[in-house]
Amino acid sequence: MAKQQQATKAVPEGGEKEAAHLHGIIGQQVLQMLGRPPNLFRLQVRDLWSDRYRVNVLVGAAADCATINHSFFVTTNGEGSITATTPLIVKQY
């Protein structure tokens, strides 16, 4: 029987920490622009490509009942500063 090899994505040393830090910066900016919704469960920042991200704002008391209240496509510069959002983030809270 041939062994199956699992393809793994190579992450440069410090890459995961840098990504988590960048996601935190992006999430903070989204909350500053939007405001803090009641019952905020968490922000979900997902890499798409290059300097593009999807940011979901989940609200709810627990993971099993959390829903996506807002979702944004975000473009950043190299340092993580938001340069554009779709849809436009408007202060709501």
PDB file of N, CA and C in Angstrom:
ATOM      1  N   MET A   1       0.833  -1.177   0.000  1.00  0.00           N
ATOM      2  CA  MET A   1       0.000   0.000   0.000  1.00  0.00           C
ATOM      3  C   MET A   1       0.880   1.244   0.000  1.00  0.00           C
ATOM      4  N   ALA A   2       0.566   2.169  -0.850  1.00  0.00           N
ATOM      5  CA  ALA A   2       1.338   3.412  -0.912  1.00  0.00           C
ATOM      6  C   ALA A   2       0.844   4.369   0.162  1.00  0.00           C
ATOM      7  N   LYS A   3       1.797   5.028   0.788  1.00  0.00           N
ATOM      8  CA  LYS A   3       1.439   6.028   1.796  1.00  0.00           C
ATOM      9  C   LYS A   3       0.899   7.266   1.115  1.00  0.00           C
ATOM     10  N   GLN A   4      -0.144   7.798   1.660  1.00  0.00           N
ATOM     11  CA  GLN A   4      -0.674   9.055   1.147  1.00  0.00           C
ATOM     12  C   GLN A   4       0.073  10.186   1.818  1.00  0.00           C
ATOM     13  N   GLN A   5       0.522  11.116   1.015  1.00  0.00           N
ATOM     14  CA  GLN A   5       1.200  12.274   1.567  1.00  0.00           C
ATOM     15  C   GLN A   5       0.216  13.424   1.639  1.00  0.00           C
ATOM     16  N   GLN A   6       0.190  14.027   2.767  1.00  0.00           N
ATOM     17  CA  GLN A   6      -0.709  15.158   2.969  1.00  0.00           C
ATOM     18  C   GLN A   6       0.021  16.433   2.617  1.00  0.00           C
ATOM     19  N   ALA A   7      -0.573  17.217   1.717  1.00  0.00           N
ATOM     20  CA  ALA A   7       0.027  18.499   1.348  1.00  0.00           C
ATOM     21  C   ALA A   7      -0.219  19.498   2.464  1.00  0.00           C
ATOM     22  N   THR A   8       0.846  20.127   2.905  1.00  0.00           N
ATOM     23  CA  THR A   8       0.709  21.148   3.935  1.00  0.00           C
ATOM     24  C   THR A   8       1.226  22.466   3.402  1.00  0.00           C
ATOM     25  N   LYS A   9       0.592  23.505   3.821  1.00  0.00           N
ATOM     26  CA  LYS A   9       0.997  24.843   3.405  1.00  0.00           C
ATOM     27  C   LYS A   9       2.139  25.296   4.306  1.00  0.00           C
ATOM     28  N   ALA A  10       3.249  25.635   3.705  1.00  0.00           N
ATOM     29  CA  ALA A  10       4.395  26.094   4.481  1.00  0.00           C
ATOM     30  C   ALA A  10       4.151  27.508   4.974  1.00  0.00           C
ATOM     31  N   VAL A  11       4.328  27.711   6.260  1.00  0.00           N
ATOM     32  CA  VAL A  11       4.159  29.034   6.863  1.00  0.00           C
ATOM     33  C   VAL A  11       5.536  29.500   7.303  1.00  0.00           C
ATOM     34  N   PRO A  12       5.977  30.657   6.812  1.00  0.00           N
ATOM     35  CA  PRO A  12       7.286  31.145   7.230  1.00  0.00           C
ATOM     36  C   PRO A  12       7.323  31.365   8.736  1.00  0.00           C
ATOM     37  N   GLU A  13       8.515  31.261   9.311  1.00  0.00           N
ATOM     38  CA  GLU A  13       8.666  31.458  10.742  1.00  0.00           C
ATOM     39  C   GLU A  13       8.131  32.824  11.126  1.00  0.00           C
ATOM     40  N   GLY A  14       7.253  32.851  12.136  1.00  0.00           N
ATOM     41  CA  GLY A  14       6.651  34.104  12.566  1.00  0.00           C
ATOM     42  C   GLY A  14       5.458  34.507  11.719  1.00  0.00           C
ATOM     43  N   GLY A  15       5.175  33.762  10.664  1.00  0.00           N
ATOM     44  CA  GLY A  15       4.091  34.112   9.750  1.00  0.00           C
ATOM     45  C   GLY A  15       2.718  34.086  10.401  1.00  0.00           C
ATOM     46  N   GLU A  16       2.475  33.072  11.226  1.00  0.00           N
ATOM     47  CA  GLU A  16       1.175  32.971  11.891  1.00  0.00           C
ATOM     48  C   GLU A  16       0.989  34.096  12.895  1.00  0.00           C
ATOM     49  N   LYS A  17       2.050  34.435  13.615  1.00  0.00           N
ATOM     50  CA  LYS A  17       1.960  35.534  14.586  1.00  0.00           C
ATOM     51  C   LYS A  17       1.732  36.855  13.870  1.00  0.00           C
ATOM     52  N   GLU A  18       2.437  37.063  12.765  1.00  0.00           N
ATOM     53  CA  GLU A  18       2.267  38.298  11.996  1.00  0.00           C
ATOM     54  C   GLU A  18       0.855  38.399  11.445  1.00  0.00           C
ATOM     55  N   ALA A  19       0.324  37.284  10.934  1.00  0.00           N
ATOM     56  CA  ALA A  19      -1.031  37.281  10.395  1.00  0.00           C
ATOM     57  C   ALA A  19      -2.049  37.580  11.491  1.00  0.00           C
ATOM     58  N   ALA A  20      -1.883  36.967  12.656  1.00  0.00           N
ATOM     59  CA  ALA A  20      -2.807  37.211  13.764  1.00  0.00           C
ATOM     60  C   ALA A  20      -2.751  38.670  14.203  1.00  0.00           C
ATOM     61  N   HIS A  21      -1.547  39.225  14.246  1.00  0.00           N
ATOM     62  CA  HIS A  21      -1.394  40.634  14.620  1.00  0.00           C
ATOM     63  C   HIS A  21      -2.082  41.539  13.597  1.00  0.00           C
ATOM     64  N   LEU A  22      -1.883  41.250  12.324  1.00  0.00           N
ATOM     65  CA  LEU A  22      -2.501  42.032  11.250  1.00  0.00           C
ATOM     66  C   LEU A  22      -4.018  41.917  11.305  1.00  0.00           C
ATOM     67  N   HIS A  23      -4.532  40.722  11.553  1.00  0.00           N
ATOM     68  CA  HIS A  23      -5.976  40.524  11.676  1.00  0.00           C
ATOM     69  C   HIS A  23      -6.533  41.341  12.828  1.00  0.00           C
ATOM     70  N   GLY A  24      -5.786  41.405  13.934  1.00  0.00           N
ATOM     71  CA  GLY A  24      -6.214  42.210  15.083  1.00  0.00           C
ATOM     72  C   GLY A  24      -6.288  43.688  14.744  1.00  0.00           C
ATOM     73  N   ILE A  25      -5.294  44.175  14.015  1.00  0.00           N
ATOM     74  CA  ILE A  25      -5.278  45.583  13.603  1.00  0.00           C
ATOM     75  C   ILE A  25      -6.481  45.889  12.708  1.00  0.00           C
ATOM     76  N   ILE A  26      -6.738  45.014  11.759  1.00  0.00           N
ATOM     77  CA  ILE A  26      -7.863  45.211  10.837  1.00  0.00           C
ATOM     78  C   ILE A  26      -9.180  45.169  11.599  1.00  0.00           C
ATOM     79  N   GLY A  27      -9.331  44.209  12.505  1.00  0.00           N
ATOM     80  CA  GLY A  27     -10.556  44.099  13.295  1.00  0.00           C
ATOM     81  C   GLY A  27     -10.811  45.331  14.154  1.00  0.00           C
ATOM     82  N   GLN A  28      -9.765  45.863  14.771  1.00  0.00           N
ATOM     83  CA  GLN A  28      -9.916  47.072  15.588  1.00  0.00           C
ATOM     84  C   GLN A  28     -10.401  48.248  14.754  1.00  0.00           C
ATOM     85  N   GLN A  29      -9.856  48.378  13.549  1.00  0.00           N
ATOM     86  CA  GLN A  29     -10.268  49.485  12.682  1.00  0.00           C
ATOM     87  C   GLN A  29     -11.734  49.346  12.277  1.00  0.00           C
ATOM     88  N   VAL A  30     -12.156  48.119  11.974  1.00  0.00           N
ATOM     89  CA  VAL A  30     -13.561  47.899  11.599  1.00  0.00           C
ATOM     90  C   VAL A  30     -14.470  48.296  12.761  1.00  0.00           C
ATOM     91  N   LEU A  31     -14.118  47.885  13.975  1.00  0.00           N
ATOM     92  CA  LEU A  31     -14.941  48.257  15.135  1.00  0.00           C
ATOM     93  C   LEU A  31     -14.940  49.753  15.391  1.00  0.00           C
ATOM     94  N   GLN A  32     -13.814  50.430  15.141  1.00  0.00           N
ATOM     95  CA  GLN A  32     -13.776  51.883  15.307  1.00  0.00           C
ATOM     96  C   GLN A  32     -14.715  52.555  14.306  1.00  0.00           C
ATOM     97  N   MET A  33     -14.746  52.056  13.082  1.00  0.00           N
ATOM     98  CA  MET A  33     -15.600  52.669  12.062  1.00  0.00           C
ATOM     99  C   MET A  33     -17.070  52.316  12.256  1.00  0.00           C
ATOM    100  N   LEU A  34     -17.352  51.078  12.638  1.00  0.00           N
ATOM    101  CA  LEU A  34     -18.724  50.593  12.764  1.00  0.00           C
ATOM    102  C   LEU A  34     -19.324  50.908  14.118  1.00  0.00           C
ATOM    103  N   GLY A  35     -18.510  50.845  15.158  1.00  0.00           N
ATOM    104  CA  GLY A  35     -19.000  50.901  16.528  1.00  0.00           C
ATOM    105  C   GLY A  35     -19.093  49.477  17.048  1.00  0.00           C
ATOM    106  N   ARG A  36     -19.323  49.328  18.343  1.00  0.00           N
ATOM    107  CA  ARG A  36     -19.384  47.986  18.950  1.00  0.00           C
ATOM    108  C   ARG A  36     -20.838  47.542  19.065  1.00  0.00           C
ATOM    109  N   PRO A  37     -21.224  46.521  18.280  1.00  0.00           N
ATOM    110  CA  PRO A  37     -22.608  46.048  18.356  1.00  0.00           C
ATOM    111  C   PRO A  37     -22.896  45.378  19.701  1.00  0.00           C
ATOM    112  N   PRO A  38     -24.147  45.464  20.157  1.00  0.00           N
ATOM    113  CA  PRO A  38     -24.506  44.749  21.388  1.00  0.00           C
ATOM    114  C   PRO A  38     -24.333  43.246  21.162  1.00  0.00           C
ATOM    115  N   ASN A  39     -23.943  42.537  22.175  1.00  0.00           N
ATOM    116  CA  ASN A  39     -23.733  41.083  22.109  1.00  0.00           C
ATOM    117  C   ASN A  39     -22.680  40.673  21.090  1.00  0.00           C
ATOM    118  N   LEU A  40     -21.654  41.495  20.904  1.00  0.00           N
ATOM    119  CA  LEU A  40     -20.574  41.123  19.992  1.00  0.00           C
ATOM    120  C   LEU A  40     -19.967  39.801  20.455  1.00  0.00           C
ATOM    121  N   PHE A  41     -19.965  38.799  19.579  1.00  0.00           N
ATOM    122  CA  PHE A  41     -19.369  37.514  19.908  1.00  0.00           C
ATOM    123  C   PHE A  41     -17.898  37.502  19.501  1.00  0.00           C
ATOM    124  N   ARG A  42     -17.624  37.859  18.233  1.00  0.00           N
ATOM    125  CA  ARG A  42     -16.247  37.980  17.779  1.00  0.00           C
ATOM    126  C   ARG A  42     -16.194  38.561  16.378  1.00  0.00           C
ATOM    127  N   LEU A  43     -15.001  38.988  16.006  1.00  0.00           N
ATOM    128  CA  LEU A  43     -14.725  39.424  14.636  1.00  0.00           C
ATOM    129  C   LEU A  43     -13.964  38.300  13.957  1.00  0.00           C
ATOM    130  N   GLN A  44     -14.329  38.029  12.740  1.00  0.00           N
ATOM    131  CA  GLN A  44     -13.663  36.990  11.964  1.00  0.00           C
ATOM    132  C   GLN A  44     -12.997  37.675  10.776  1.00  0.00           C
ATOM    133  N   VAL A  45     -11.671  37.671  10.737  1.00  0.00           N
ATOM    134  CA  VAL A  45     -10.918  38.292   9.643  1.00  0.00           C
ATOM    135  C   VAL A  45     -10.268  37.166   8.852  1.00  0.00           C
ATOM    136  N   ARG A  46     -10.622  37.062   7.571  1.00  0.00           N
ATOM    137  CA  ARG A  46     -10.104  35.982   6.729  1.00  0.00           C
ATOM    138  C   ARG A  46      -9.303  36.552   5.568  1.00  0.00           C
ATOM    139  N   ASP A  47      -8.120  35.973   5.347  1.00  0.00           N
ATOM    140  CA  ASP A  47      -7.295  36.358   4.201  1.00  0.00           C
ATOM    141  C   ASP A  47      -7.973  35.886   2.924  1.00  0.00           C
ATOM    142  N   LEU A  48      -8.004  36.752   1.930  1.00  0.00           N
ATOM    143  CA  LEU A  48      -8.489  36.348   0.618  1.00  0.00           C
ATOM    144  C   LEU A  48      -7.304  36.240  -0.330  1.00  0.00           C
ATOM    145  N   TRP A  49      -6.691  37.357  -0.649  1.00  0.00           N
ATOM    146  CA  TRP A  49      -5.471  37.375  -1.436  1.00  0.00           C
ATOM    147  C   TRP A  49      -4.791  38.708  -1.231  1.00  0.00           C
ATOM    148  N   SER A  50      -3.494  38.732  -1.414  1.00  0.00           N
ATOM    149  CA  SER A  50      -2.695  39.942  -1.308  1.00  0.00           C
ATOM    150  C   SER A  50      -3.113  40.756  -0.086  1.00  0.00           C
ATOM    151  N   ASP A  51      -3.633  41.953  -0.294  1.00  0.00           N
ATOM    152  CA  ASP A  51      -4.041  42.830   0.807  1.00  0.00           C
ATOM    153  C   ASP A  51      -5.559  42.902   0.915  1.00  0.00           C
ATOM    154  N   ARG A  52      -6.235  41.816   0.586  1.00  0.00           N
ATOM    155  CA  ARG A  52      -7.696  41.777   0.632  1.00  0.00           C
ATOM    156  C   ARG A  52      -8.164  40.792   1.694  1.00  0.00           C
ATOM    157  N   TYR A  53      -9.194  41.205   2.441  1.00  0.00           N
ATOM    158  CA  TYR A  53      -9.710  40.402   3.539  1.00  0.00           C
ATOM    159  C   TYR A  53     -11.231  40.442   3.548  1.00  0.00           C
ATOM    160  N   ARG A  54     -11.842  39.419   4.150  1.00  0.00           N
ATOM    161  CA  ARG A  54     -13.267  39.402   4.446  1.00  0.00           C
ATOM    162  C   ARG A  54     -13.364  39.525   5.949  1.00  0.00           C
ATOM    163  N   VAL A  55     -14.148  40.488   6.429  1.00  0.00           N
ATOM    164  CA  VAL A  55     -14.336  40.684   7.861  1.00  0.00           C
ATOM    165  C   VAL A  55     -15.804  40.467   8.179  1.00  0.00           C
ATOM    166  N   ASN A  56     -16.088  39.489   9.029  1.00  0.00           N
ATOM    167  CA  ASN A  56     -17.441  39.199   9.477  1.00  0.00           C
ATOM    168  C   ASN A  56     -17.569  39.609  10.939  1.00  0.00           C
ATOM    169  N   VAL A  57     -18.663  40.275  11.259  1.00  0.00           N
ATOM    170  CA  VAL A  57     -18.949  40.692  12.632  1.00  0.00           C
ATOM    171  C   VAL A  57     -20.043  39.766  13.142  1.00  0.00           C
ATOM    172  N   LEU A  58     -19.687  38.890  14.077  1.00  0.00           N
ATOM    173  CA  LEU A  58     -20.632  37.926  14.616  1.00  0.00           C
ATOM    174  C   LEU A  58     -21.184  38.410  15.947  1.00  0.00           C
ATOM    175  N   VAL A  59     -22.488  38.300  16.110  1.00  0.00           N
ATOM    176  CA  VAL A  59     -23.136  38.677  17.361  1.00  0.00           C
ATOM    177  C   VAL A  59     -23.934  37.492  17.886  1.00  0.00           C
ATOM    178  N   GLY A  60     -24.056  37.424  19.197  1.00  0.00           N
ATOM    179  CA  GLY A  60     -24.810  36.351  19.840  1.00  0.00           C
ATOM    180  C   GLY A  60     -24.200  36.047  21.192  1.00  0.00           C
ATOM    181  N   ALA A  61     -24.937  35.315  21.992  1.00  0.00           N
ATOM    182  CA  ALA A  61     -24.489  35.003  23.346  1.00  0.00           C
ATOM    183  C   ALA A  61     -23.455  33.877  23.372  1.00  0.00           C
ATOM    184  N   ALA A  62     -23.505  32.985  22.389  1.00  0.00           N
ATOM    185  CA  ALA A  62     -22.588  31.835  22.356  1.00  0.00           C
ATOM    186  C   ALA A  62     -22.375  31.402  20.905  1.00  0.00           C
ATOM    187  N   ALA A  63     -21.415  30.521  20.710  1.00  0.00           N
ATOM    188  CA  ALA A  63     -21.054  30.077  19.361  1.00  0.00           C
ATOM    189  C   ALA A  63     -22.222  29.410  18.635  1.00  0.00           C
ATOM    190  N   ASP A  64     -23.051  28.672  19.353  1.00  0.00           N
ATOM    191  CA  ASP A  64     -24.141  27.944  18.694  1.00  0.00           C
ATOM    192  C   ASP A  64     -25.293  28.840  18.243  1.00  0.00           C
ATOM    193  N   CYS A  65     -25.311  30.081  18.697  1.00  0.00           N
ATOM    194  CA  CYS A  65     -26.388  30.975  18.276  1.00  0.00           C
ATOM    195  C   CYS A  65     -25.864  32.276  17.666  1.00  0.00           C
ATOM    196  N   ALA A  66     -24.561  32.353  17.420  1.00  0.00           N
ATOM    197  CA  ALA A  66     -23.973  33.565  16.830  1.00  0.00           C
ATOM    198  C   ALA A  66     -24.352  33.662  15.354  1.00  0.00           C
ATOM    199  N   THR A  67     -24.621  34.885  14.923  1.00  0.00           N
ATOM    200  CA  THR A  67     -24.951  35.132  13.517  1.00  0.00           C
ATOM    201  C   THR A  67     -24.066  36.259  12.983  1.00  0.00           C
ATOM    202  N   ILE A  68     -23.902  36.263  11.677  1.00  0.00           N
ATOM    203  CA  ILE A  68     -23.122  37.325  11.041  1.00  0.00           C
ATOM    204  C   ILE A  68     -24.046  38.523  10.875  1.00  0.00           C
ATOM    205  N   ASN A  69     -23.745  39.580  11.615  1.00  0.00           N
ATOM    206  CA  ASN A  69     -24.554  40.795  11.582  1.00  0.00           C
ATOM    207  C   ASN A  69     -24.089  41.744  10.483  1.00  0.00           C
ATOM    208  N   HIS A  70     -22.774  41.746  10.220  1.00  0.00           N
ATOM    209  CA  HIS A  70     -22.179  42.593   9.186  1.00  0.00           C
ATOM    210  C   HIS A  70     -21.066  41.808   8.520  1.00  0.00           C
ATOM    211  N   SER A  71     -20.851  42.071   7.232  1.00  0.00           N
ATOM    212  CA  SER A  71     -19.767  41.437   6.500  1.00  0.00           C
ATOM    213  C   SER A  71     -19.193  42.449   5.520  1.00  0.00           C
ATOM    214  N   PHE A  72     -17.858  42.566   5.506  1.00  0.00           N
ATOM    215  CA  PHE A  72     -17.204  43.569   4.673  1.00  0.00           C
ATOM    216  C   PHE A  72     -16.036  42.953   3.905  1.00  0.00           C
ATOM    217  N   PHE A  73     -15.864  43.391   2.685  1.00  0.00           N
ATOM    218  CA  PHE A  73     -14.679  43.100   1.894  1.00  0.00           C
ATOM    219  C   PHE A  73     -13.753  44.284   2.127  1.00  0.00           C
ATOM    220  N   VAL A  74     -12.537  44.033   2.622  1.00  0.00           N
ATOM    221  CA  VAL A  74     -11.638  45.089   3.064  1.00  0.00           C
ATOM    222  C   VAL A  74     -10.327  45.029   2.284  1.00  0.00           C
ATOM    223  N   THR A  75      -9.858  46.190   1.847  1.00  0.00           N
ATOM    224  CA  THR A  75      -8.549  46.319   1.211  1.00  0.00           C
ATOM    225  C   THR A  75      -7.661  47.121   2.152  1.00  0.00           C
ATOM    226  N   THR A  76      -6.406  46.670   2.317  1.00  0.00           N
ATOM    227  CA  THR A  76      -5.479  47.355   3.221  1.00  0.00           C
ATOM    228  C   THR A  76      -4.194  47.718   2.491  1.00  0.00           C
ATOM    229  N   ASN A  77      -3.406  48.575   3.143  1.00  0.00           N
ATOM    230  CA  ASN A  77      -2.052  48.826   2.644  1.00  0.00           C
ATOM    231  C   ASN A  77      -1.139  47.794   3.294  1.00  0.00           C
ATOM    232  N   GLY A  78       0.137  47.877   3.090  1.00  0.00           N
ATOM    233  CA  GLY A  78       1.079  46.890   3.613  1.00  0.00           C
ATOM    234  C   GLY A  78       1.127  46.798   5.126  1.00  0.00           C
ATOM    235  N   GLU A  79       0.770  47.861   5.837  1.00  0.00           N
ATOM    236  CA  GLU A  79       0.819  47.864   7.301  1.00  0.00           C
ATOM    237  C   GLU A  79      -0.492  47.448   7.945  1.00  0.00           C
ATOM    238  N   GLY A  80      -1.523  47.209   7.151  1.00  0.00           N
ATOM    239  CA  GLY A  80      -2.806  46.794   7.695  1.00  0.00           C
ATOM    240  C   GLY A  80      -3.820  47.902   7.839  1.00  0.00           C
ATOM    241  N   SER A  81      -3.485  49.122   7.434  1.00  0.00           N
ATOM    242  CA  SER A  81      -4.454  50.216   7.495  1.00  0.00           C
ATOM    243  C   SER A  81      -5.481  50.028   6.385  1.00  0.00           C
ATOM    244  N   ILE A  82      -6.739  50.144   6.732  1.00  0.00           N
ATOM    245  CA  ILE A  82      -7.813  49.953   5.767  1.00  0.00           C
ATOM    246  C   ILE A  82      -7.835  51.122   4.787  1.00  0.00           C
ATOM    247  N   THR A  83      -7.833  50.795   3.498  1.00  0.00           N
ATOM    248  CA  THR A  83      -7.872  51.816   2.453  1.00  0.00           C
ATOM    249  C   THR A  83      -9.217  51.849   1.741  1.00  0.00           C
ATOM    250  N   ALA A  84      -9.970  50.737   1.760  1.00  0.00           N
ATOM    251  CA  ALA A  84     -11.281  50.693   1.107  1.00  0.00           C
ATOM    252  C   ALA A  84     -12.096  49.554   1.706  1.00  0.00           C
ATOM    253  N   THR A  85     -13.424  49.716   1.721  1.00  0.00           N
ATOM    254  CA  THR A  85     -14.322  48.669   2.160  1.00  0.00           C
ATOM    255  C   THR A  85     -15.531  48.589   1.233  1.00  0.00           C
ATOM    256  N   THR A  86     -16.044  47.380   1.072  1.00  0.00           N
ATOM    257  CA  THR A  86     -17.271  47.171   0.324  1.00  0.00           C
ATOM    258  C   THR A  86     -18.142  46.239   1.158  1.00  0.00           C
ATOM    259  N   PRO A  87     -19.328  46.659   1.553  1.00  0.00           N
ATOM    260  CA  PRO A  87     -19.883  47.993   1.428  1.00  0.00           C
ATOM    261  C   PRO A  87     -19.139  48.956   2.353  1.00  0.00           C
ATOM    262  N   LEU A  88     -19.400  50.225   2.155  1.00  0.00           N
ATOM    263  CA  LEU A  88     -18.789  51.267   2.965  1.00  0.00           C
ATOM    264  C   LEU A  88     -19.213  51.053   4.432  1.00  0.00           C
ATOM    265  N   ILE A  89     -18.245  51.128   5.336  1.00  0.00           N
ATOM    266  CA  ILE A  89     -18.554  50.956   6.762  1.00  0.00           C
ATOM    267  C   ILE A  89     -19.029  52.298   7.310  1.00  0.00           C
ATOM    268  N   VAL A  90     -20.239  52.285   7.861  1.00  0.00           N
ATOM    269  CA  VAL A  90     -20.855  53.483   8.427  1.00  0.00           C
ATOM    270  C   VAL A  90     -21.058  53.254   9.921  1.00  0.00           C
ATOM    271  N   LYS A  91     -20.783  54.276  10.729  1.00  0.00           N
ATOM    272  CA  LYS A  91     -20.955  54.173  12.183  1.00  0.00           C
ATOM    273  C   LYS A  91     -22.413  53.856  12.481  1.00  0.00           C
ATOM    274  N   GLN A  92     -22.642  52.725  13.183  1.00  0.00           N
ATOM    275  CA  GLN A  92     -24.014  52.307  13.494  1.00  0.00           C
ATOM    276  C   GLN A  92     -24.256  52.149  14.995  1.00  0.00           C
ATOM    277  N   TYR A  93     -23.190  52.061  15.767  1.00  0.00           N
ATOM    278  CA  TYR A  93     -23.368  51.802  17.202  1.00  0.00           C
ATOM    279  C   TYR A  93     -22.608  52.832  18.017  1.00  0.00           C
TER     280      TYR A  93
END
